[in-house]
PDB file of N, CA and C in Angstrom:
ATOM      1  N   MET A   1       0.820  -1.200   0.000  1.00  0.00           N
ATOM      2  CA  MET A   1       0.000   0.000   0.000  1.00  0.00           C
ATOM      3  C   MET A   1       0.865   1.265   0.000  1.00  0.00           C
ATOM      4  N   ARG A   2       1.971   1.232   0.757  1.00  0.00           N
ATOM      5  CA  ARG A   2       2.849   2.405   0.800  1.00  0.00           C
ATOM      6  C   ARG A   2       3.448   2.703  -0.565  1.00  0.00           C
ATOM      7  N   LYS A   3       3.806   1.638  -1.286  1.00  0.00           N
ATOM      8  CA  LYS A   3       4.395   1.816  -2.609  1.00  0.00           C
ATOM      9  C   LYS A   3       3.400   2.499  -3.536  1.00  0.00           C
ATOM     10  N   ARG A   4       2.137   2.095  -3.453  1.00  0.00           N
ATOM     11  CA  ARG A   4       1.100   2.707  -4.283  1.00  0.00           C
ATOM     12  C   ARG A   4       0.969   4.192  -3.944  1.00  0.00           C
ATOM     13  N   ALA A   5       0.967   4.531  -2.659  1.00  0.00           N
ATOM     14  CA  ALA A   5       0.861   5.936  -2.241  1.00  0.00           C
ATOM     15  C   ALA A   5       2.082   6.725  -2.691  1.00  0.00           C
ATOM     16  N   ALA A   6       3.257   6.109  -2.614  1.00  0.00           N
ATOM     17  CA  ALA A   6       4.480   6.798  -3.034  1.00  0.00           C
ATOM     18  C   ALA A   6       4.486   7.044  -4.535  1.00  0.00           C
ATOM     19  N   ASN A   7       3.866   6.160  -5.297  1.00  0.00           N
ATOM     20  CA  ASN A   7       3.833   6.304  -6.751  1.00  0.00           C
ATOM     21  C   ASN A   7       2.696   7.187  -7.243  1.00  0.00           C
ATOM     22  N   ALA A   8       1.738   7.498  -6.389  1.00  0.00           N
ATOM     23  CA  ALA A   8       0.561   8.274  -6.804  1.00  0.00           C
ATOM     24  C   ALA A   8       0.922   9.620  -7.437  1.00  0.00           C
ATOM     25  N   PRO A   9       1.850  10.399  -6.875  1.00  0.00           N
ATOM     26  CA  PRO A   9       2.195  11.674  -7.531  1.00  0.00           C
ATOM     27  C   PRO A   9       2.785  11.478  -8.927  1.00  0.00           C
ATOM     28  N   PHE A  10       3.575  10.431  -9.120  1.00  0.00           N
ATOM     29  CA  PHE A  10       4.145  10.153 -10.446  1.00  0.00           C
ATOM     30  C   PHE A  10       3.028   9.856 -11.445  1.00  0.00           C
ATOM     31  N   ARG A  11       2.075   9.042 -11.030  1.00  0.00           N
ATOM     32  CA  ARG A  11       0.942   8.706 -11.901  1.00  0.00           C
ATOM     33  C   ARG A  11       0.136   9.960 -12.215  1.00  0.00           C
ATOM     34  N   ALA A  12      -0.049  10.797 -11.206  1.00  0.00           N
ATOM     35  CA  ALA A  12      -0.861  12.007 -11.388  1.00  0.00           C
ATOM     36  C   ALA A  12      -0.226  12.970 -12.384  1.00  0.00           C
ATOM     37  N   ILE A  13       1.082  13.152 -12.311  1.00  0.00           N
ATOM     38  CA  ILE A  13       1.725  14.135 -13.194  1.00  0.00           C
ATOM     39  C   ILE A  13       2.086  13.546 -14.553  1.00  0.00           C
ATOM     40  N   ALA A  14       1.780  12.269 -14.767  1.00  0.00           N
ATOM     41  CA  ALA A  14       2.059  11.651 -16.065  1.00  0.00           C
ATOM     42  C   ALA A  14       1.169  12.220 -17.165  1.00  0.00           C
ATOM     43  N   ASP A  15       0.049  12.797 -16.794  1.00  0.00           N
ATOM     44  CA  ASP A  15      -0.907  13.317 -17.774  1.00  0.00           C
ATOM     45  C   ASP A  15      -0.722  14.823 -17.961  1.00  0.00           C
ATOM     46  N   PRO A  16      -0.616  15.299 -19.209  1.00  0.00           N
ATOM     47  CA  PRO A  16      -0.394  16.734 -19.447  1.00  0.00           C
ATOM     48  C   PRO A  16      -1.533  17.626 -18.951  1.00  0.00           C
ATOM     49  N   THR A  17      -2.760  17.149 -18.996  1.00  0.00           N
ATOM     50  CA  THR A  17      -3.878  17.959 -18.489  1.00  0.00           C
ATOM     51  C   THR A  17      -3.747  18.153 -16.990  1.00  0.00           C
ATOM     52  N   ARG A  18      -3.392  17.098 -16.278  1.00  0.00           N
ATOM     53  CA  ARG A  18      -3.229  17.226 -14.822  1.00  0.00           C
ATOM     54  C   ARG A  18      -2.045  18.128 -14.483  1.00  0.00           C
ATOM     55  N   ARG A  19      -0.969  18.039 -15.268  1.00  0.00           N
ATOM     56  CA  ARG A  19       0.160  18.954 -15.020  1.00  0.00           C
ATOM     57  C   ARG A  19      -0.273  20.397 -15.239  1.00  0.00           C
ATOM     58  N   GLU A  20      -1.090  20.625 -16.252  1.00  0.00           N
ATOM     59  CA  GLU A  20      -1.566  21.988 -16.509  1.00  0.00           C
ATOM     60  C   GLU A  20      -2.478  22.470 -15.382  1.00  0.00           C
ATOM     61  N   ILE A  21      -3.314  21.598 -14.860  1.00  0.00           N
ATOM     62  CA  ILE A  21      -4.169  21.959 -13.722  1.00  0.00           C
ATOM     63  C   ILE A  21      -3.298  22.376 -12.542  1.00  0.00           C
ATOM     64  N   LEU A  22      -2.256  21.604 -12.258  1.00  0.00           N
ATOM     65  CA  LEU A  22      -1.349  21.962 -11.159  1.00  0.00           C
ATOM     66  C   LEU A  22      -0.698  23.314 -11.417  1.00  0.00           C
ATOM     67  N   GLY A  23      -0.320  23.564 -12.654  1.00  0.00           N
ATOM     68  CA  GLY A  23       0.266  24.859 -13.007  1.00  0.00           C
ATOM     69  C   GLY A  23      -0.706  26.000 -12.777  1.00  0.00           C
ATOM     70  N   LEU A  24      -1.960  25.797 -13.121  1.00  0.00           N
ATOM     71  CA  LEU A  24      -2.971  26.839 -12.899  1.00  0.00           C
ATOM     72  C   LEU A  24      -3.175  27.095 -11.409  1.00  0.00           C
ATOM     73  N   LEU A  25      -3.139  26.041 -10.620  1.00  0.00           N
ATOM     74  CA  LEU A  25      -3.356  26.195  -9.179  1.00  0.00           C
ATOM     75  C   LEU A  25      -2.150  26.800  -8.463  1.00  0.00           C
ATOM     76  N   ARG A  26      -0.993  26.815  -9.122  1.00  0.00           N
ATOM     77  CA  ARG A  26       0.177  27.480  -8.515  1.00  0.00           C
ATOM     78  C   ARG A  26      -0.093  28.946  -8.263  1.00  0.00           C
ATOM     79  N   SER A  27      -0.916  29.557  -9.112  1.00  0.00           N
ATOM     80  CA  SER A  27      -1.196  30.990  -8.952  1.00  0.00           C
ATOM     81  C   SER A  27      -2.247  31.258  -7.884  1.00  0.00           C
ATOM     82  N   GLY A  28      -2.863  30.209  -7.359  1.00  0.00           N
ATOM     83  CA  GLY A  28      -3.837  30.389  -6.288  1.00  0.00           C
ATOM     84  C   GLY A  28      -5.049  29.496  -6.472  1.00  0.00           C
ATOM     85  N   PRO A  29      -5.910  29.448  -5.451  1.00  0.00           N
ATOM     86  CA  PRO A  29      -7.104  28.598  -5.503  1.00  0.00           C
ATOM     87  C   PRO A  29      -8.038  28.990  -6.646  1.00  0.00           C
ATOM     88  N   GLN A  30      -8.708  27.988  -7.200  1.00  0.00           N
ATOM     89  CA  GLN A  30      -9.689  28.213  -8.261  1.00  0.00           C
ATOM     90  C   GLN A  30     -10.834  27.224  -8.092  1.00  0.00           C
ATOM     91  N   THR A  31     -11.998  27.615  -8.566  1.00  0.00           N
ATOM     92  CA  THR A  31     -13.126  26.690  -8.558  1.00  0.00           C
ATOM     93  C   THR A  31     -12.956  25.694  -9.705  1.00  0.00           C
ATOM     94  N   VAL A  32     -13.710  24.613  -9.630  1.00  0.00           N
ATOM     95  CA  VAL A  32     -13.673  23.620 -10.702  1.00  0.00           C
ATOM     96  C   VAL A  32     -14.079  24.270 -12.021  1.00  0.00           C
ATOM     97  N   GLY A  33     -15.091  25.122 -11.978  1.00  0.00           N
ATOM     98  CA  GLY A  33     -15.539  25.816 -13.190  1.00  0.00           C
ATOM     99  C   GLY A  33     -14.462  26.709 -13.781  1.00  0.00           C
ATOM    100  N   GLU A  34     -13.747  27.432 -12.925  1.00  0.00           N
ATOM    101  CA  GLU A  34     -12.659  28.291 -13.412  1.00  0.00           C
ATOM    102  C   GLU A  34     -11.566  27.457 -14.070  1.00  0.00           C
ATOM    103  N   LEU A  35     -11.246  26.333 -13.466  1.00  0.00           N
ATOM    104  CA  LEU A  35     -10.234  25.453 -14.054  1.00  0.00           C
ATOM    105  C   LEU A  35     -10.712  24.900 -15.392  1.00  0.00           C
ATOM    106  N   ALA A  36     -11.968  24.460 -15.435  1.00  0.00           N
ATOM    107  CA  ALA A  36     -12.512  23.835 -16.648  1.00  0.00           C
ATOM    108  C   ALA A  36     -12.504  24.785 -17.835  1.00  0.00           C
ATOM    109  N   ARG A  37     -12.653  26.082 -17.595  1.00  0.00           N
ATOM    110  CA  ARG A  37     -12.663  27.063 -18.689  1.00  0.00           C
ATOM    111  C   ARG A  37     -11.339  27.121 -19.451  1.00  0.00           C
ATOM    112  N   ASN A  38     -10.291  26.611 -18.870  1.00  0.00           N
ATOM    113  CA  ASN A  38      -8.970  26.634 -19.509  1.00  0.00           C
ATOM    114  C   ASN A  38      -8.732  25.461 -20.455  1.00  0.00           C
ATOM    115  N   PHE A  39      -9.713  24.574 -20.587  1.00  0.00           N
ATOM    116  CA  PHE A  39      -9.526  23.353 -21.372  1.00  0.00           C
ATOM    117  C   PHE A  39     -10.653  23.174 -22.373  1.00  0.00           C
ATOM    118  N   ARG A  40     -10.354  22.434 -23.422  1.00  0.00           N
ATOM    119  CA  ARG A  40     -11.364  22.109 -24.437  1.00  0.00           C
ATOM    120  C   ARG A  40     -12.000  20.754 -24.138  1.00  0.00           C
ATOM    121  N   THR A  41     -12.114  20.427 -22.908  1.00  0.00           N
ATOM    122  CA  THR A  41     -12.699  19.159 -22.494  1.00  0.00           C
ATOM    123  C   THR A  41     -13.880  19.441 -21.574  1.00  0.00           C
ATOM    124  N   SER A  42     -14.670  18.451 -21.311  1.00  0.00           N
ATOM    125  CA  SER A  42     -15.876  18.650 -20.504  1.00  0.00           C
ATOM    126  C   SER A  42     -15.530  18.861 -19.029  1.00  0.00           C
ATOM    127  N   ARG A  43     -16.451  19.477 -18.344  1.00  0.00           N
ATOM    128  CA  ARG A  43     -16.268  19.685 -16.909  1.00  0.00           C
ATOM    129  C   ARG A  43     -16.184  18.349 -16.166  1.00  0.00           C
ATOM    130  N   PRO A  44     -17.009  17.340 -16.537  1.00  0.00           N
ATOM    131  CA  PRO A  44     -16.845  16.037 -15.878  1.00  0.00           C
ATOM    132  C   PRO A  44     -15.453  15.430 -16.082  1.00  0.00           C
ATOM    133  N   ALA A  45     -14.859  15.657 -17.246  1.00  0.00           N
ATOM    134  CA  ALA A  45     -13.502  15.145 -17.488  1.00  0.00           C
ATOM    135  C   ALA A  45     -12.502  15.839 -16.564  1.00  0.00           C
ATOM    136  N   ILE A  46     -12.666  17.151 -16.377  1.00  0.00           N
ATOM    137  CA  ILE A  46     -11.784  17.890 -15.463  1.00  0.00           C
ATOM    138  C   ILE A  46     -11.996  17.395 -14.037  1.00  0.00           C
ATOM    139  N   SER A  47     -13.244  17.144 -13.674  1.00  0.00           N
ATOM    140  CA  SER A  47     -13.534  16.617 -12.332  1.00  0.00           C
ATOM    141  C   SER A  47     -12.848  15.270 -12.114  1.00  0.00           C
ATOM    142  N   LYS A  48     -12.808  14.446 -13.147  1.00  0.00           N
ATOM    143  CA  LYS A  48     -12.132  13.152 -13.041  1.00  0.00           C
ATOM    144  C   LYS A  48     -10.632  13.352 -12.807  1.00  0.00           C
ATOM    145  N   HIS A  49     -10.039  14.293 -13.539  1.00  0.00           N
ATOM    146  CA  HIS A  49      -8.619  14.608 -13.322  1.00  0.00           C
ATOM    147  C   HIS A  49      -8.405  15.114 -11.895  1.00  0.00           C
ATOM    148  N   LEU A  50      -9.298  15.951 -11.424  1.00  0.00           N
ATOM    149  CA  LEU A  50      -9.164  16.494 -10.069  1.00  0.00           C
ATOM    150  C   LEU A  50      -9.283  15.389  -9.018  1.00  0.00           C
ATOM    151  N   ARG A  51     -10.146  14.411  -9.243  1.00  0.00           N
ATOM    152  CA  ARG A  51     -10.264  13.286  -8.300  1.00  0.00           C
ATOM    153  C   ARG A  51      -8.933  12.546  -8.188  1.00  0.00           C
ATOM    154  N   LEU A  52      -8.295  12.315  -9.324  1.00  0.00           N
ATOM    155  CA  LEU A  52      -7.011  11.623  -9.296  1.00  0.00           C
ATOM    156  C   LEU A  52      -5.950  12.478  -8.590  1.00  0.00           C
ATOM    157  N   LEU A  53      -5.961  13.787  -8.861  1.00  0.00           N
ATOM    158  CA  LEU A  53      -5.010  14.687  -8.193  1.00  0.00           C
ATOM    159  C   LEU A  53      -5.262  14.719  -6.687  1.00  0.00           C
ATOM    160  N   ARG A  54      -6.533  14.689  -6.288  1.00  0.00           N
ATOM    161  CA  ARG A  54      -6.865  14.651  -4.853  1.00  0.00           C
ATOM    162  C   ARG A  54      -6.387  13.344  -4.232  1.00  0.00           C
ATOM    163  N   SER A  55      -6.615  12.231  -4.924  1.00  0.00           N
ATOM    164  CA  SER A  55      -6.203  10.940  -4.363  1.00  0.00           C
ATOM    165  C   SER A  55      -4.681  10.847  -4.237  1.00  0.00           C
ATOM    166  N   ALA A  56      -3.957  11.590  -5.066  1.00  0.00           N
ATOM    167  CA  ALA A  56      -2.490  11.635  -4.975  1.00  0.00           C
ATOM    168  C   ALA A  56      -2.024  12.645  -3.932  1.00  0.00           C
ATOM    169  N   GLY A  57      -2.967  13.386  -3.354  1.00  0.00           N
ATOM    170  CA  GLY A  57      -2.622  14.376  -2.334  1.00  0.00           C
ATOM    171  C   GLY A  57      -2.125  15.694  -2.892  1.00  0.00           C
ATOM    172  N   LEU A  58      -2.230  15.880  -4.209  1.00  0.00           N
ATOM    173  CA  LEU A  58      -1.700  17.092  -4.840  1.00  0.00           C
ATOM    174  C   LEU A  58      -2.689  18.251  -4.855  1.00  0.00           C
ATOM    175  N   VAL A  59      -3.957  17.956  -4.682  1.00  0.00           N
ATOM    176  CA  VAL A  59      -4.998  18.983  -4.690  1.00  0.00           C
ATOM    177  C   VAL A  59      -5.931  18.729  -3.516  1.00  0.00           C
ATOM    178  N   THR A  60      -6.317  19.800  -2.866  1.00  0.00           N
ATOM    179  CA  THR A  60      -7.362  19.722  -1.849  1.00  0.00           C
ATOM    180  C   THR A  60      -8.556  20.517  -2.352  1.00  0.00           C
ATOM    181  N   THR A  61      -9.741  20.117  -1.937  1.00  0.00           N
ATOM    182  CA  THR A  61     -10.946  20.849  -2.334  1.00  0.00           C
ATOM    183  C   THR A  61     -11.764  21.173  -1.100  1.00  0.00           C
ATOM    184  N   GLN A  62     -12.485  22.274  -1.215  1.00  0.00           N
ATOM    185  CA  GLN A  62     -13.340  22.728  -0.120  1.00  0.00           C
ATOM    186  C   GLN A  62     -14.624  23.265  -0.737  1.00  0.00           C
ATOM    187  N   ARG A  63     -15.739  22.880  -0.170  1.00  0.00           N
ATOM    188  CA  ARG A  63     -17.030  23.380  -0.651  1.00  0.00           C
ATOM    189  C   ARG A  63     -17.220  24.823  -0.216  1.00  0.00           C
ATOM    190  N   ASP A  64     -17.742  25.617  -1.138  1.00  0.00           N
ATOM    191  CA  ASP A  64     -18.107  27.008  -0.856  1.00  0.00           C
ATOM    192  C   ASP A  64     -19.451  27.236  -1.540  1.00  0.00           C
ATOM    193  N   GLY A  65     -20.519  26.940  -0.839  1.00  0.00           N
ATOM    194  CA  GLY A  65     -21.844  27.010  -1.447  1.00  0.00           C
ATOM    195  C   GLY A  65     -21.969  25.925  -2.492  1.00  0.00           C
ATOM    196  N   ALA A  66     -22.300  26.319  -3.707  1.00  0.00           N
ATOM    197  CA  ALA A  66     -22.457  25.364  -4.807  1.00  0.00           C
ATOM    198  C   ALA A  66     -21.127  25.050  -5.483  1.00  0.00           C
ATOM    199  N   SER A  67     -20.084  25.780  -5.146  1.00  0.00           N
ATOM    200  CA  SER A  67     -18.779  25.609  -5.799  1.00  0.00           C
ATOM    201  C   SER A  67     -17.835  24.770  -4.952  1.00  0.00           C
ATOM    202  N   ARG A  68     -16.867  24.192  -5.634  1.00  0.00           N
ATOM    203  CA  ARG A  68     -15.757  23.531  -4.953  1.00  0.00           C
ATOM    204  C   ARG A  68     -14.494  24.300  -5.286  1.00  0.00           C
ATOM    205  N   ILE A  69     -13.796  24.732  -4.263  1.00  0.00           N
ATOM    206  CA  ILE A  69     -12.552  25.481  -4.455  1.00  0.00           C
ATOM    207  C   ILE A  69     -11.387  24.507  -4.346  1.00  0.00           C
ATOM    208  N   CYS A  70     -10.517  24.554  -5.341  1.00  0.00           N
ATOM    209  CA  CYS A  70      -9.361  23.658  -5.409  1.00  0.00           C
ATOM    210  C   CYS A  70      -8.094  24.427  -5.055  1.00  0.00           C
ATOM    211  N   ARG A  71      -7.235  23.757  -4.297  1.00  0.00           N
ATOM    212  CA  ARG A  71      -5.951  24.348  -3.911  1.00  0.00           C
ATOM    213  C   ARG A  71      -4.838  23.339  -4.167  1.00  0.00           C
ATOM    214  N   LEU A  72      -3.687  23.863  -4.523  1.00  0.00           N
ATOM    215  CA  LEU A  72      -2.509  23.034  -4.755  1.00  0.00           C
ATOM    216  C   LEU A  72      -1.877  22.649  -3.426  1.00  0.00           C
ATOM    217  N   ASN A  73      -1.479  21.390  -3.312  1.00  0.00           N
ATOM    218  CA  ASN A  73      -0.653  20.918  -2.207  1.00  0.00           C
ATOM    219  C   ASN A  73       0.585  20.296  -2.849  1.00  0.00           C
ATOM    220  N   ALA A  74       1.654  21.048  -2.921  1.00  0.00           N
ATOM    221  CA  ALA A  74       2.851  20.610  -3.649  1.00  0.00           C
ATOM    222  C   ALA A  74       3.730  19.646  -2.854  1.00  0.00           C
ATOM    223  N   GLN A  75       3.452  19.437  -1.591  1.00  0.00           N
ATOM    224  CA  GLN A  75       4.307  18.597  -0.752  1.00  0.00           C
ATOM    225  C   GLN A  75       4.571  17.205  -1.343  1.00  0.00           C
ATOM    226  N   PRO A  76       3.564  16.501  -1.883  1.00  0.00           N
ATOM    227  CA  PRO A  76       3.854  15.174  -2.452  1.00  0.00           C
ATOM    228  C   PRO A  76       4.822  15.206  -3.640  1.00  0.00           C
ATOM    229  N   LEU A  77       5.003  16.359  -4.251  1.00  0.00           N
ATOM    230  CA  LEU A  77       5.946  16.463  -5.371  1.00  0.00           C
ATOM    231  C   LEU A  77       7.397  16.441  -4.898  1.00  0.00           C
ATOM    232  N   ARG A  78       7.602  16.565  -3.603  1.00  0.00           N
ATOM    233  CA  ARG A  78       8.963  16.534  -3.065  1.00  0.00           C
ATOM    234  C   ARG A  78       9.658  15.217  -3.419  1.00  0.00           C
ATOM    235  N   ASN A  79       8.942  14.100  -3.283  1.00  0.00           N
ATOM    236  CA  ASN A  79       9.540  12.805  -3.631  1.00  0.00           C
ATOM    237  C   ASN A  79       9.877  12.731  -5.115  1.00  0.00           C
ATOM    238  N   VAL A  80       9.042  13.327  -5.943  1.00  0.00           N
ATOM    239  CA  VAL A  80       9.316  13.373  -7.382  1.00  0.00           C
ATOM    240  C   VAL A  80      10.595  14.171  -7.623  1.00  0.00           C
ATOM    241  N   SER A  81      10.700  15.304  -6.955  1.00  0.00           N
ATOM    242  CA  SER A  81      11.874  16.161  -7.102  1.00  0.00           C
ATOM    243  C   SER A  81      13.148  15.440  -6.655  1.00  0.00           C
ATOM    244  N   LEU A  82      13.069  14.752  -5.528  1.00  0.00           N
ATOM    245  CA  LEU A  82      14.240  14.017  -5.033  1.00  0.00           C
ATOM    246  C   LEU A  82      14.653  12.919  -6.009  1.00  0.00           C
ATOM    247  N   TRP A  83      13.685  12.226  -6.574  1.00  0.00           N
ATOM    248  CA  TRP A  83      13.976  11.173  -7.534  1.00  0.00           C
ATOM    249  C   TRP A  83      14.622  11.748  -8.790  1.00  0.00           C
ATOM    250  N   LEU A  84      14.087  12.865  -9.284  1.00  0.00           N
ATOM    251  CA  LEU A  84      14.633  13.497 -10.488  1.00  0.00           C
ATOM    252  C   LEU A  84      16.040  14.040 -10.260  1.00  0.00           C
ATOM    253  N   ARG A  85      16.318  14.482  -9.048  1.00  0.00           N
ATOM    254  CA  ARG A  85      17.632  15.041  -8.733  1.00  0.00           C
ATOM    255  C   ARG A  85      18.746  14.029  -9.002  1.00  0.00           C
ATOM    256  N   GLU A  86      18.464  12.748  -8.759  1.00  0.00           N
ATOM    257  CA  GLU A  86      19.464  11.713  -9.038  1.00  0.00           C
ATOM    258  C   GLU A  86      19.837  11.709 -10.522  1.00  0.00           C
ATOM    259  N   TYR A  87      18.865  11.953 -11.366  1.00  0.00           N
ATOM    260  CA  TYR A  87      19.119  11.945 -12.807  1.00  0.00           C
ATOM    261  C   TYR A  87      19.750  13.247 -13.276  1.00  0.00           C
ATOM    262  N   GLU A  88      19.501  14.333 -12.561  1.00  0.00           N
ATOM    263  CA  GLU A  88      20.165  15.597 -12.892  1.00  0.00           C
ATOM    264  C   GLU A  88      21.672  15.429 -12.772  1.00  0.00           C
ATOM    265  N   THR A  89      22.107  14.756 -11.717  1.00  0.00           N
ATOM    266  CA  THR A  89      23.533  14.514 -11.518  1.00  0.00           C
ATOM    267  C   THR A  89      24.087  13.687 -12.674  1.00  0.00           C
ATOM    268  N   PHE A  90      23.366  12.645 -13.050  1.00  0.00           N
ATOM    269  CA  PHE A  90      23.796  11.798 -14.166  1.00  0.00           C
ATOM    270  C   PHE A  90      23.949  12.619 -15.434  1.00  0.00           C
ATOM    271  N   TRP A  91      22.930  13.418 -15.768  1.00  0.00           N
ATOM    272  CA  TRP A  91      22.979  14.191 -17.011  1.00  0.00           C
ATOM    273  C   TRP A  91      24.034  15.284 -16.956  1.00  0.00           C
ATOM    274  N   SER A  92      24.215  15.897 -15.809  1.00  0.00           N
ATOM    275  CA  SER A  92      25.253  16.927 -15.684  1.00  0.00           C
ATOM    276  C   SER A  92      26.628  16.335 -15.964  1.00  0.00           C
ATOM    277  N   GLU A  93      26.887  15.181 -15.376  1.00  0.00           N
ATOM    278  CA  GLU A  93      28.181  14.533 -15.591  1.00  0.00           C
ATOM    279  C   GLU A  93      28.334  14.092 -17.046  1.00  0.00           C
ATOM    280  N   SER A  94      27.271  13.555 -17.631  1.00  0.00           N
ATOM    281  CA  SER A  94      27.332  13.110 -19.029  1.00  0.00           C
ATOM    282  C   SER A  94      27.567  14.283 -19.967  1.00  0.00           C
ATOM    283  N   LEU A  95      26.866  15.377 -19.734  1.00  0.00           N
ATOM    284  CA  LEU A  95      27.021  16.555 -20.595  1.00  0.00           C
ATOM    285  C   LEU A  95      28.393  17.197 -20.417  1.00  0.00           C
ATOM    286  N   ARG A  96      28.904  17.187 -19.192  1.00  0.00           N
ATOM    287  CA  ARG A  96      30.238  17.730 -18.954  1.00  0.00           C
ATOM    288  C   ARG A  96      31.273  16.888 -19.702  1.00  0.00           C
ATOM    289  N   GLY A  97      31.104  15.572 -19.686  1.00  0.00           N
ATOM    290  CA  GLY A  97      32.006  14.692 -20.424  1.00  0.00           C
ATOM    291  C   GLY A  97      31.932  14.938 -21.919  1.00  0.00           C
ATOM    292  N   LEU A  98      30.732  15.135 -22.445  1.00  0.00           N
ATOM    293  CA  LEU A  98      30.559  15.430 -23.867  1.00  0.00           C
ATOM    294  C   LEU A  98      31.218  16.755 -24.222  1.00  0.00           C
ATOM    295  N   LYS A  99      31.025  17.757 -23.375  1.00  0.00           N
ATOM    296  CA  LYS A  99      31.632  19.073 -23.610  1.00  0.00           C
ATOM    297  C   LYS A  99      33.156  18.945 -23.656  1.00  0.00           C
ATOM    298  N   ASN A 100      33.719  18.237 -22.690  1.00  0.00           N
ATOM    299  CA  ASN A 100      35.175  18.060 -22.650  1.00  0.00           C
ATOM    300  C   ASN A 100      35.667  17.323 -23.890  1.00  0.00           C
ATOM    301  N   TYR A 101      34.913  16.327 -24.331  1.00  0.00           N
ATOM    302  CA  TYR A 101      35.284  15.578 -25.529  1.00  0.00           C
ATOM    303  C   TYR A 101      35.261  16.488 -26.752  1.00  0.00           C
ATOM    304  N   ILE A 102      34.186  17.258 -26.908  1.00  0.00           N
ATOM    305  CA  ILE A 102      34.058  18.149 -28.068  1.00  0.00           C
ATOM    306  C   ILE A 102      35.146  19.212 -28.057  1.00  0.00           C
ATOM    307  N   GLU A 103      35.381  19.805 -26.900  1.00  0.00           N
ATOM    308  CA  GLU A 103      36.428  20.821 -26.812  1.00  0.00           C
ATOM    309  C   GLU A 103      37.798  20.213 -27.086  1.00  0.00           C
ATOM    310  N   GLY A 104      38.019  18.990 -26.627  1.00  0.00           N
ATOM    311  CA  GLY A 104      39.288  18.308 -26.889  1.00  0.00           C
ATOM    312  C   GLY A 104      39.464  18.008 -28.364  1.00  0.00           C
ATOM    313  N   THR A 105      38.386  17.620 -29.032  1.00  0.00           N
ATOM    314  CA  THR A 105      38.425  17.349 -30.467  1.00  0.00           C
ATOM    315  C   THR A 105      38.710  18.626 -31.237  1.00  0.00           C
ATOM    316  N   SER A 106      38.096  19.732 -30.831  1.00  0.00           N
ATOM    317  CA  SER A 106      38.331  21.024 -31.493  1.00  0.00           C
ATOM    318  C   SER A 106      39.774  21.456 -31.321  1.00  0.00           C
ATOM    319  N   ASP A 107      40.296  21.292 -30.108  1.00  0.00           N
ATOM    320  CA  ASP A 107      41.689  21.660 -29.853  1.00  0.00           C
ATOM    321  C   ASP A 107      42.630  20.824 -30.715  1.00  0.00           C
ATOM    322  N   GLN A 108      42.323  19.532 -30.866  1.00  0.00           N
ATOM    323  CA  GLN A 108      43.152  18.634 -31.669  1.00  0.00           C
ATOM    324  C   GLN A 108      43.129  19.061 -33.133  1.00  0.00           C
ATOM    325  N   LYS A 109      41.962  19.436 -33.670  1.00  0.00           N
ATOM    326  CA  LYS A 109      41.847  19.862 -35.068  1.00  0.00           C
ATOM    327  C   LYS A 109      42.623  21.150 -35.303  1.00  0.00           C
ATOM    328  N   GLU A 110      42.598  22.063 -34.322  1.00  0.00           N
ATOM    329  CA  GLU A 110      43.316  23.330 -34.466  1.00  0.00           C
ATOM    330  C   GLU A 110      44.821  23.088 -34.517  1.00  0.00           C
ATOM    331  N   ARG A 111      45.293  22.081 -33.805  1.00  0.00           N
ATOM    332  CA  ARG A 111      46.720  21.775 -33.788  1.00  0.00           C
ATOM    333  C   ARG A 111      47.164  21.087 -35.073  1.00  0.00           C
ATOM    334  N   ASP A 112      46.239  20.388 -35.722  1.00  0.00           N
ATOM    335  CA  ASP A 112      46.591  19.636 -36.949  1.00  0.00           C
ATOM    336  C   ASP A 112      46.721  20.503 -38.136  1.00  0.00           C
TER     337      ASP A 112
END
């Protein structure tokens, strides 16, 4: 069960619509209707995305009369960030090696 909970944020951000919803909520709380206006999809489809984001802990909702106000909870993305950081190190080292190789090749050609 813990593994499923740990993977929930990864599953949630795998979809571009859900990533865009999270981006919209970065600027502050919005109602479901306000969020839905940003997409060419139905409001029920947006609600389905929001349910998945809520189950991953990335969005909280609160009733305000007939509306539901959605807020971003970025804390679960911390594990995603930590996981990605491992690959940043890999790519930094790989790119640095490529740069050194290319610069070394250029220096060799200039000497020839």
